[in-house]
Amino acid sequence: MHDIRTIRDNPAAFDADLARRGLPPLSSDLLALDGARRAKILAAETATAEQNRASKEVGAAKARGDDAGFERLRALVAEKKSEVARLTAEAAEEDARLRDALMRIPNNPLPEVPEGRDESDNLEIRRWGTPRSFDFKPLEHFEIPGVKPGMDFETAAKLSGARFVVLRGAVIRVHRALAQFMLDFHIAEHGLTETWTPVLVKEEAMYGTNQLPKFAEDSYQTTNGWWLIPTSEVTLTNTVAGDILEEAALPIRMTAHSQCFRSEAGSAGKDTTGMLRQHQFEKVEMVTICAPGTHLAEHDRMTRCAEAILEQLGLPYRTIVLCTGDMGFGAQKTHDLEVWLPGQDRYREISSVSTCGQFQARRMNARFRPTRAEAGAGKPEFVATLNGSGLAVGRCLIAVLENGQQADGSVDLPAVLAPYLGGRTRIAPDGTLI
């Protein structure tokens, strides 16, 4: 969420940042809401002062036997009390209007983020690995003979409808192995703290990580008000909501493997075949809570954590910086990792790693107490938050299957998964793990 004081101080700069996002200027509307809110607050404070003054005069009138003055002042106190209540309620309504408006505006892109309107304007910054040359036409994951017995879309449709899958046998073992490998690698090699969190959260948690109010249609809500998380970014980030941390405790680097749920409301007609885009899926998420001055270094570090997983699996990928028009709502800067899928003959997103600066922390009221003297004698500041996939397990499974497929319908699996598969290294053409 944006700080209205910053908008007051430099509305032109705020509108210029919105323009980079392809949005119209909004500062004048926000400042009008802010002006109405401040006027109501001032009126309530003035009425409170008048009530307090009249209350003091009531006692004085009674002490000197001024019955007429006493009754007049007592009536005035009652009138001012009612006025204060009304103005306080109106000020709260104006404050809620302003807060709601601010919550619907995306984060400002950092100056180094490339200008652009959509994904065609994203900037590639590096590649790793060389896509394999096949002596046969590579298939998409769901077409590979050895995969078909373990990937059942028909039964899933009977159970739940479109964009679900039932995984069995060798395929689900590889899926589970991938998640375990990712967690173990992040813990042992990257120093992330494994965390397990609920998948059902209160509404305020979804507000804290900017899924609400703007993107309610992209998530699922239960009848009693809980929301199913679209990613454990929601829960991991909100672990510090309302807290004041000591700077010495930062950075906090976490990872979690969880079920994720998305309605995919904005993706009708996209990736309808296979399991690339599902309503229910699994991710190994990474979240960092840090001091604002370190967030860009943490962003690069987190990107490398995700890249390292792909390198360990031997999967070719490219890293891109998203342009201003393609970034997510809460991001200041985003690196996307796109893995090579030979069945589609193209790179596809497998991870987004974003720094949100203090945007989410302001929504969550998550702060830290600086220890450095120049920070203002330890006055609490908002933390910075970052999140990224490390990786999306289902998409990683797709990449492993497609890149490892053989002409006979079998699949060669990455060597790093063998310890998680009882030493087995292949899916045979009949779907068994060997």
Protein backbone atom coordinates (compact mmCIF):
# COMPACT_ATOMS: atom_id res chain seq x y z
CA MET A 1 0.00 0.00 0.00
CA HIS A 2 1.18 3.51 -0.74
CA ASP A 3 1.91 6.13 1.91
CA ILE A 4 -0.50 9.05 1.46
CA ARG A 5 2.13 11.40 2.93
CA THR A 6 4.48 10.57 0.07
CA ILE A 7 1.70 11.31 -2.43
CA ARG A 8 1.00 14.62 -0.68
CA ASP A 9 4.67 15.58 -0.85
CA ASN A 10 5.12 14.78 -4.55
CA PRO A 11 1.92 13.99 -6.45
CA ALA A 12 3.62 14.47 -9.83
CA ALA A 13 6.20 11.77 -9.09
CA PHE A 14 3.44 9.40 -7.95
CA ASP A 15 1.49 9.93 -11.18
CA ALA A 16 4.66 9.49 -13.22
CA ASP A 17 5.19 6.07 -11.61
CA LEU A 18 1.58 5.13 -12.39
CA ALA A 19 2.12 6.17 -15.99
CA ARG A 20 4.99 3.68 -16.22
CA ARG A 21 2.43 1.02 -15.26
CA GLY A 22 0.10 2.25 -18.00
CA LEU A 23 -2.30 3.80 -15.49
CA PRO A 24 -3.91 7.26 -15.50
CA PRO A 25 -2.98 9.90 -12.89
CA LEU A 26 -4.72 9.27 -9.57
CA SER A 27 -3.10 11.70 -7.16
CA SER A 28 -5.82 14.34 -7.39
CA ASP A 29 -8.56 11.84 -6.52
CA LEU A 30 -6.53 10.43 -3.64
CA LEU A 31 -5.69 13.87 -2.29
CA ALA A 32 -9.37 14.81 -2.45
CA LEU A 33 -10.22 11.75 -0.34
CA ASP A 34 -7.36 12.61 1.98
CA GLY A 35 -8.56 16.19 2.28
CA ALA A 36 -12.09 15.08 3.17
CA ARG A 37 -10.70 12.64 5.74
CA ARG A 38 -8.46 15.27 7.35
CA ALA A 39 -11.30 17.79 7.45
CA LYS A 40 -13.53 15.32 9.31
CA ILE A 41 -10.71 14.49 11.73
CA LEU A 42 -10.12 18.20 12.40
CA ALA A 43 -13.85 18.80 12.91
CA ALA A 44 -14.03 15.87 15.35
CA GLU A 45 -11.01 17.18 17.27
CA THR A 46 -12.51 20.69 17.42
CA ALA A 47 -15.82 19.33 18.67
CA THR A 48 -14.00 17.23 21.28
CA ALA A 49 -12.15 20.31 22.53
CA GLU A 50 -15.44 22.23 22.76
CA GLN A 51 -17.03 19.32 24.65
CA ASN A 52 -14.15 19.19 27.11
CA ARG A 53 -14.29 22.95 27.65
CA ALA A 54 -18.05 22.87 28.25
CA SER A 55 -17.64 19.92 30.66
CA LYS A 56 -15.27 21.96 32.80
CA GLU A 57 -17.67 24.94 32.77
CA VAL A 58 -20.56 22.72 33.90
CA GLY A 59 -18.85 22.07 37.22
CA ALA A 60 -18.01 25.72 37.69
CA ALA A 61 -21.62 26.80 37.00
CA LYS A 62 -22.95 24.30 39.52
CA ALA A 63 -20.40 25.41 42.14
CA ARG A 64 -21.48 29.04 41.89
CA GLY A 65 -25.19 28.16 41.91
CA ASP A 66 -25.86 29.22 38.32
CA ASP A 67 -28.71 26.79 37.61
CA ALA A 68 -29.61 28.31 34.24
CA GLY A 69 -25.97 28.24 33.11
CA PHE A 70 -25.59 24.73 34.44
CA GLU A 71 -28.54 23.42 32.38
CA ARG A 72 -27.40 25.28 29.25
CA LEU A 73 -23.87 23.93 29.54
CA ARG A 74 -25.08 20.40 30.30
CA ALA A 75 -27.19 20.50 27.15
CA LEU A 76 -24.19 21.79 25.20
CA VAL A 77 -22.02 18.91 26.50
CA ALA A 78 -24.65 16.39 25.36
CA GLU A 79 -24.89 18.12 21.99
CA LYS A 80 -21.10 18.12 21.53
CA LYS A 81 -20.86 14.49 22.63
CA SER A 82 -23.32 13.54 19.91
CA GLU A 83 -21.48 15.72 17.38
CA VAL A 84 -18.12 14.13 18.27
CA ALA A 85 -19.57 10.64 17.81
CA ARG A 86 -21.03 11.60 14.42
CA LEU A 87 -17.87 13.30 13.18
CA THR A 88 -15.65 10.46 14.45
CA ALA A 89 -17.79 7.94 12.55
CA GLU A 90 -17.68 10.10 9.42
CA ALA A 91 -13.90 10.44 9.72
CA ALA A 92 -13.61 6.66 10.01
CA GLU A 93 -15.72 6.27 6.87
CA GLU A 94 -13.50 8.72 4.96
CA ASP A 95 -10.41 6.91 6.23
CA ALA A 96 -11.83 3.58 5.03
CA ARG A 97 -12.55 5.08 1.59
CA LEU A 98 -8.99 6.36 1.29
CA ARG A 99 -7.48 3.09 2.53
CA ASP A 100 -9.57 1.07 0.08
CA ALA A 101 -8.52 3.35 -2.78
CA LEU A 102 -4.84 3.06 -1.84
CA MET A 103 -5.13 -0.74 -1.57
CA ARG A 104 -6.32 -0.98 -5.17
CA ILE A 105 -3.28 0.80 -6.64
CA PRO A 106 -0.24 -1.30 -7.65
CA ASN A 107 3.26 -0.81 -6.33
CA ASN A 108 5.64 1.66 -7.98
CA PRO A 109 8.25 0.05 -10.27
CA LEU A 110 11.88 0.69 -9.42
CA PRO A 111 13.70 3.07 -11.80
CA GLU A 112 15.75 0.26 -13.38
CA VAL A 113 12.69 -1.77 -14.40
CA PRO A 114 12.39 -1.66 -18.21
CA GLU A 115 9.50 0.24 -19.75
CA GLY A 116 6.92 -1.83 -21.60
CA ARG A 117 3.28 -2.73 -22.05
CA ASP A 118 3.30 -6.55 -21.97
CA GLU A 119 5.48 -9.68 -21.96
CA SER A 120 6.90 -8.84 -25.38
CA ASP A 121 8.80 -5.98 -23.73
CA ASN A 122 10.44 -8.10 -21.02
CA LEU A 123 14.23 -8.13 -20.98
CA GLU A 124 16.26 -11.34 -20.99
CA ILE A 125 19.36 -11.04 -18.80
CA ARG A 126 20.90 -14.54 -19.00
CA ARG A 127 20.49 -18.13 -20.10
CA TRP A 128 21.74 -21.41 -18.69
CA GLY A 129 21.98 -24.74 -20.48
CA THR A 130 21.43 -25.73 -24.09
CA PRO A 131 18.10 -27.19 -25.17
CA ARG A 132 18.53 -30.82 -26.12
CA SER A 133 18.46 -31.87 -29.78
CA PHE A 134 16.00 -34.72 -30.34
CA ASP A 135 16.18 -37.27 -33.16
CA PHE A 136 12.39 -37.57 -32.91
CA LYS A 137 9.56 -35.09 -32.44
CA PRO A 138 9.38 -34.40 -28.70
CA LEU A 139 5.94 -34.74 -27.13
CA GLU A 140 4.16 -32.65 -24.57
CA HIS A 141 4.19 -34.17 -21.09
CA PHE A 142 0.70 -35.65 -21.22
CA GLU A 143 1.42 -37.38 -24.56
CA ILE A 144 4.54 -39.30 -23.45
CA PRO A 145 3.69 -43.06 -23.34
CA GLY A 146 5.46 -43.66 -20.03
CA VAL A 147 3.64 -40.72 -18.44
CA LYS A 148 0.09 -41.46 -19.61
CA PRO A 149 -0.63 -44.22 -17.03
CA GLY A 150 0.22 -41.83 -14.20
CA MET A 151 -1.52 -38.66 -15.40
CA ASP A 152 -5.32 -38.99 -15.41
CA PHE A 153 -7.33 -35.95 -16.45
CA GLU A 154 -10.56 -37.84 -17.12
CA THR A 155 -10.97 -39.08 -13.55
CA ALA A 156 -10.03 -35.65 -12.21
CA ALA A 157 -12.74 -34.08 -14.41
CA LYS A 158 -15.26 -36.57 -13.02
CA LEU A 159 -14.26 -35.63 -9.49
CA SER A 160 -13.70 -31.89 -9.79
CA GLY A 161 -14.07 -30.58 -13.35
CA ALA A 162 -11.55 -29.00 -15.68
CA ARG A 163 -8.01 -27.95 -14.69
CA PHE A 164 -7.47 -30.77 -12.21
CA VAL A 165 -5.40 -33.95 -12.49
CA VAL A 166 -5.06 -37.27 -10.70
CA LEU A 167 -1.43 -38.43 -10.51
CA ARG A 168 -0.50 -42.06 -9.89
CA GLY A 169 2.43 -44.42 -9.63
CA ALA A 170 5.78 -43.29 -11.00
CA VAL A 171 4.57 -39.80 -11.93
CA ILE A 172 3.40 -38.86 -8.44
CA ARG A 173 6.58 -40.34 -6.95
CA VAL A 174 8.66 -38.07 -9.16
CA HIS A 175 6.41 -35.13 -8.24
CA ARG A 176 6.92 -35.85 -4.53
CA ALA A 177 10.65 -36.35 -5.01
CA LEU A 178 10.95 -32.97 -6.71
CA ALA A 179 9.30 -31.19 -3.78
CA GLN A 180 11.50 -32.98 -1.24
CA PHE A 181 14.64 -32.27 -3.24
CA MET A 182 13.79 -28.57 -3.53
CA LEU A 183 13.17 -28.24 0.21
CA ASP A 184 16.31 -30.13 1.17
CA PHE A 185 18.47 -28.10 -1.22
CA HIS A 186 17.07 -24.76 -0.06
CA ILE A 187 17.61 -25.72 3.57
CA ALA A 188 21.09 -27.22 3.24
CA GLU A 189 22.58 -25.02 0.52
CA HIS A 190 20.70 -21.73 0.83
CA GLY A 191 20.09 -21.54 4.57
CA LEU A 192 16.32 -21.13 4.29
CA THR A 193 14.18 -22.11 7.27
CA GLU A 194 11.56 -24.72 6.44
CA THR A 195 8.13 -23.64 7.62
CA TRP A 196 4.73 -25.33 7.51
CA THR A 197 1.66 -23.10 7.47
CA PRO A 198 -2.14 -23.40 7.08
CA VAL A 199 -3.73 -23.21 3.63
CA LEU A 200 -6.83 -21.50 5.05
CA VAL A 201 -6.36 -17.90 6.14
CA LYS A 202 -8.32 -14.95 7.45
CA GLU A 203 -9.28 -12.14 5.13
CA GLU A 204 -6.73 -9.74 6.62
CA ALA A 205 -3.89 -12.06 5.57
CA MET A 206 -5.04 -11.85 1.93
CA TYR A 207 -5.17 -8.05 2.25
CA GLY A 208 -1.66 -8.05 3.71
CA THR A 209 -0.11 -9.65 0.62
CA ASN A 210 -2.32 -7.71 -1.81
CA GLN A 211 -4.54 -10.54 -3.10
CA LEU A 212 -7.47 -8.48 -1.76
CA PRO A 213 -9.37 -6.39 -2.50
CA LYS A 214 -8.48 -6.24 -6.19
CA PHE A 215 -8.04 -9.94 -7.03
CA ALA A 216 -10.80 -11.66 -5.07
CA GLU A 217 -12.06 -13.46 -8.18
CA ASP A 218 -8.70 -15.20 -8.60
CA SER A 219 -8.96 -16.98 -5.23
CA TYR A 220 -11.39 -19.28 -3.43
CA GLN A 221 -13.30 -18.36 -0.28
CA THR A 222 -15.05 -20.80 2.05
CA THR A 223 -18.58 -20.24 3.32
CA ASN A 224 -17.30 -19.26 6.77
CA GLY A 225 -14.97 -16.55 5.46
CA TRP A 226 -11.61 -18.29 5.23
CA TRP A 227 -9.64 -17.99 2.01
CA LEU A 228 -7.64 -20.79 0.37
CA ILE A 229 -4.11 -19.54 -0.23
CA PRO A 230 -2.99 -19.02 -3.86
CA THR A 231 0.60 -19.51 -2.61
CA SER A 232 2.27 -19.77 0.79
CA GLU A 233 3.63 -16.27 0.16
CA VAL A 234 0.43 -15.26 1.95
CA THR A 235 1.12 -17.19 5.13
CA LEU A 236 4.90 -16.87 5.25
CA THR A 237 4.83 -13.09 4.75
CA ASN A 238 2.00 -12.58 7.23
CA THR A 239 3.92 -14.36 10.00
CA VAL A 240 5.35 -10.92 10.82
CA ALA A 241 2.09 -8.96 10.42
CA GLY A 242 1.66 -6.45 13.25
CA ASP A 243 5.13 -7.20 14.65
CA ILE A 244 8.03 -4.91 15.50
CA LEU A 245 11.20 -6.92 14.88
CA GLU A 246 14.72 -6.13 15.98
CA GLU A 247 17.05 -5.34 13.08
CA ALA A 248 19.47 -7.99 14.36
CA ALA A 249 16.81 -10.64 13.63
CA LEU A 250 16.80 -9.73 9.91
CA PRO A 251 16.88 -11.09 7.31
CA ILE A 252 14.33 -13.84 7.90
CA ARG A 253 14.52 -16.34 5.03
CA MET A 254 11.81 -18.99 4.85
CA THR A 255 10.69 -21.78 2.55
CA ALA A 256 7.50 -23.85 2.54
CA HIS A 257 5.98 -26.63 0.46
CA SER A 258 2.22 -26.24 0.22
CA GLN A 259 -0.91 -26.87 -1.74
CA CYS A 260 -2.01 -23.76 -3.65
CA PHE A 261 -5.43 -22.86 -5.05
CA ARG A 262 -6.25 -20.43 -7.84
CA SER A 263 -9.47 -19.93 -9.74
CA GLU A 264 -7.51 -18.79 -12.83
CA ALA A 265 -10.37 -16.37 -13.50
CA GLY A 266 -8.22 -14.25 -15.79
CA SER A 267 -6.83 -17.13 -17.85
CA ALA A 268 -9.87 -18.52 -19.64
CA GLY A 269 -8.78 -20.46 -22.70
CA LYS A 270 -5.08 -20.50 -21.76
CA ASP A 271 -3.18 -23.78 -21.37
CA THR A 272 -6.32 -25.90 -21.22
CA THR A 273 -4.50 -29.14 -22.03
CA GLY A 274 -2.10 -30.88 -19.68
CA MET A 275 -1.25 -29.74 -16.16
CA LEU A 276 0.53 -26.45 -16.87
CA ARG A 277 -2.30 -24.33 -15.42
CA GLN A 278 -4.32 -25.97 -12.64
CA HIS A 279 -6.79 -24.85 -9.98
CA GLN A 280 -4.94 -26.93 -7.36
CA PHE A 281 -1.18 -27.35 -7.45
CA GLU A 282 1.93 -27.42 -5.25
CA LYS A 283 4.78 -24.98 -4.86
CA VAL A 284 7.92 -24.66 -2.84
CA GLU A 285 7.81 -20.99 -1.93
CA MET A 286 10.56 -18.68 -0.69
CA VAL A 287 9.90 -15.53 1.36
CA THR A 288 12.40 -13.07 2.79
CA ILE A 289 11.74 -10.35 5.38
CA CYS A 290 14.61 -7.85 5.51
CA ALA A 291 15.65 -4.27 6.13
CA PRO A 292 14.73 -1.97 3.20
CA GLY A 293 18.32 -1.15 2.37
CA THR A 294 19.13 -4.79 1.63
CA HIS A 295 16.13 -5.82 -0.49
CA LEU A 296 17.82 -5.59 -3.90
CA ALA A 297 20.71 -7.80 -2.81
CA GLU A 298 18.17 -10.22 -1.34
CA HIS A 299 16.27 -10.18 -4.64
CA ASP A 300 19.37 -11.26 -6.53
CA ARG A 301 20.15 -13.89 -3.90
CA MET A 302 16.64 -15.34 -4.03
CA THR A 303 16.76 -15.46 -7.83
CA ARG A 304 19.98 -17.48 -7.62
CA CYS A 305 18.31 -19.87 -5.17
CA ALA A 306 15.61 -20.64 -7.73
CA GLU A 307 18.09 -20.85 -10.62
CA ALA A 308 20.21 -23.33 -8.68
CA ILE A 309 17.32 -25.80 -8.48
CA LEU A 310 16.95 -25.79 -12.27
CA GLU A 311 20.70 -26.21 -12.71
CA GLN A 312 20.77 -29.17 -10.31
CA LEU A 313 18.00 -30.77 -12.36
CA GLY A 314 19.84 -30.04 -15.62
CA LEU A 315 16.93 -28.05 -17.04
CA PRO A 316 17.78 -25.24 -19.52
CA TYR A 317 16.27 -21.92 -18.53
CA ARG A 318 16.44 -18.21 -19.11
CA THR A 319 16.10 -15.35 -16.61
CA ILE A 320 14.19 -12.23 -17.58
CA VAL A 321 13.33 -8.91 -15.96
CA LEU A 322 9.65 -8.14 -16.30
CA CYS A 323 8.77 -4.78 -17.81
CA THR A 324 6.55 -2.24 -16.07
CA GLY A 325 3.44 -3.44 -17.88
CA ASP A 326 3.91 -7.14 -17.05
CA MET A 327 4.84 -6.97 -13.35
CA GLY A 328 2.56 -8.27 -10.64
CA PHE A 329 0.45 -5.90 -8.55
CA GLY A 330 2.67 -5.86 -5.44
CA ALA A 331 6.07 -6.01 -7.12
CA GLN A 332 8.67 -3.27 -7.47
CA LYS A 333 10.86 -5.52 -9.60
CA THR A 334 10.45 -9.11 -10.80
CA HIS A 335 12.74 -11.74 -12.24
CA ASP A 336 10.96 -14.55 -14.08
CA LEU A 337 12.65 -17.88 -14.69
CA GLU A 338 11.45 -19.65 -17.83
CA VAL A 339 12.30 -23.31 -18.31
CA TRP A 340 12.68 -24.93 -21.72
CA LEU A 341 9.77 -27.23 -22.65
CA PRO A 342 10.67 -29.20 -25.78
CA GLY A 343 7.09 -30.41 -26.22
CA GLN A 344 6.01 -26.80 -26.70
CA ASP A 345 9.31 -25.75 -28.30
CA ARG A 346 9.45 -22.71 -26.08
CA TYR A 347 10.43 -21.36 -22.68
CA ARG A 348 7.63 -21.22 -20.08
CA GLU A 349 7.52 -19.52 -16.69
CA ILE A 350 8.42 -21.73 -13.74
CA SER A 351 9.25 -19.08 -11.13
CA SER A 352 8.63 -15.41 -10.41
CA VAL A 353 10.89 -13.75 -7.84
CA SER A 354 9.77 -10.30 -6.72
CA THR A 355 10.81 -7.61 -4.31
CA CYS A 356 7.86 -5.66 -2.94
CA GLY A 357 9.84 -3.10 -0.96
CA GLN A 358 7.70 -1.82 1.93
CA PHE A 359 4.44 -2.09 -0.03
CA GLN A 360 3.15 -5.24 1.72
CA ALA A 361 4.64 -4.33 5.08
CA ARG A 362 2.62 -1.12 5.15
CA ARG A 363 -0.55 -3.14 4.54
CA MET A 364 0.42 -5.60 7.31
CA ASN A 365 1.94 -3.03 9.69
CA ALA A 366 5.10 -5.15 9.84
CA ARG A 367 8.01 -3.12 11.19
CA PHE A 368 11.52 -3.37 12.62
CA ARG A 369 13.51 -1.27 15.05
CA PRO A 370 16.76 -0.06 13.41
CA THR A 371 19.93 -0.21 15.47
CA ARG A 372 21.92 2.31 13.41
CA ALA A 373 22.05 5.77 14.95
CA GLU A 374 21.22 7.70 11.78
CA ALA A 375 17.88 5.91 11.46
CA GLY A 376 16.31 8.12 14.12
CA ALA A 377 17.17 6.61 17.50
CA GLY A 378 15.53 3.27 16.82
CA LYS A 379 12.17 4.55 15.57
CA PRO A 380 10.34 1.60 13.95
CA GLU A 381 10.33 1.42 10.13
CA PHE A 382 8.47 -0.87 7.77
CA VAL A 383 10.36 -4.00 6.73
CA ALA A 384 10.85 -5.01 3.10
CA THR A 385 9.32 -8.25 1.79
CA LEU A 386 10.27 -10.55 -1.08
CA ASN A 387 8.71 -13.70 -2.46
CA GLY A 388 9.49 -16.23 -5.16
CA SER A 389 8.79 -19.75 -6.35
CA GLY A 390 11.53 -22.17 -5.58
CA LEU A 391 9.94 -23.83 -7.66
CA ALA A 392 6.42 -24.58 -8.89
CA VAL A 393 6.43 -28.37 -8.42
CA GLY A 394 3.95 -29.29 -11.14
CA ARG A 395 5.65 -27.16 -13.77
CA CYS A 396 9.00 -28.58 -12.73
CA LEU A 397 7.56 -32.07 -13.19
CA ILE A 398 6.45 -31.13 -16.71
CA ALA A 399 9.95 -29.87 -17.53
CA VAL A 400 11.63 -33.00 -16.15
CA LEU A 401 9.31 -35.28 -18.12
CA GLU A 402 9.56 -33.40 -21.41
CA ASN A 403 13.32 -32.86 -21.30
CA GLY A 404 14.01 -36.45 -20.26
CA GLN A 405 11.71 -38.19 -22.74
CA GLN A 406 13.15 -40.88 -25.01
CA ALA A 407 12.10 -42.20 -28.41
CA ASP A 408 10.70 -45.44 -26.90
CA GLY A 409 8.32 -43.51 -24.62
CA SER A 410 10.45 -43.79 -21.49
CA VAL A 411 11.75 -40.85 -19.44
CA ASP A 412 15.28 -40.45 -18.07
CA LEU A 413 15.16 -38.65 -14.72
CA PRO A 414 17.69 -36.22 -13.19
CA ALA A 415 20.37 -37.96 -11.15
CA VAL A 416 19.72 -35.74 -8.10
CA LEU A 417 16.29 -37.35 -7.71
CA ALA A 418 17.61 -40.92 -7.44
CA PRO A 419 18.05 -40.81 -3.62
CA TYR A 420 14.37 -39.84 -3.32
CA LEU A 421 13.25 -42.62 -5.67
CA GLY A 422 15.00 -45.58 -4.09
CA GLY A 423 17.84 -45.34 -6.61
CA ARG A 424 15.54 -45.53 -9.61
CA THR A 425 16.40 -43.30 -12.55
CA ARG A 426 13.82 -43.90 -15.30
CA ILE A 427 10.13 -44.14 -16.03
CA ALA A 428 9.70 -47.10 -18.37
CA PRO A 429 7.45 -46.95 -21.48
CA ASP A 430 4.76 -48.84 -19.52
CA GLY A 431 4.78 -46.21 -16.75
CA THR A 432 6.73 -48.13 -14.11
CA LEU A 433 9.65 -46.66 -12.21
CA ILE A 434 12.89 -48.52 -12.90
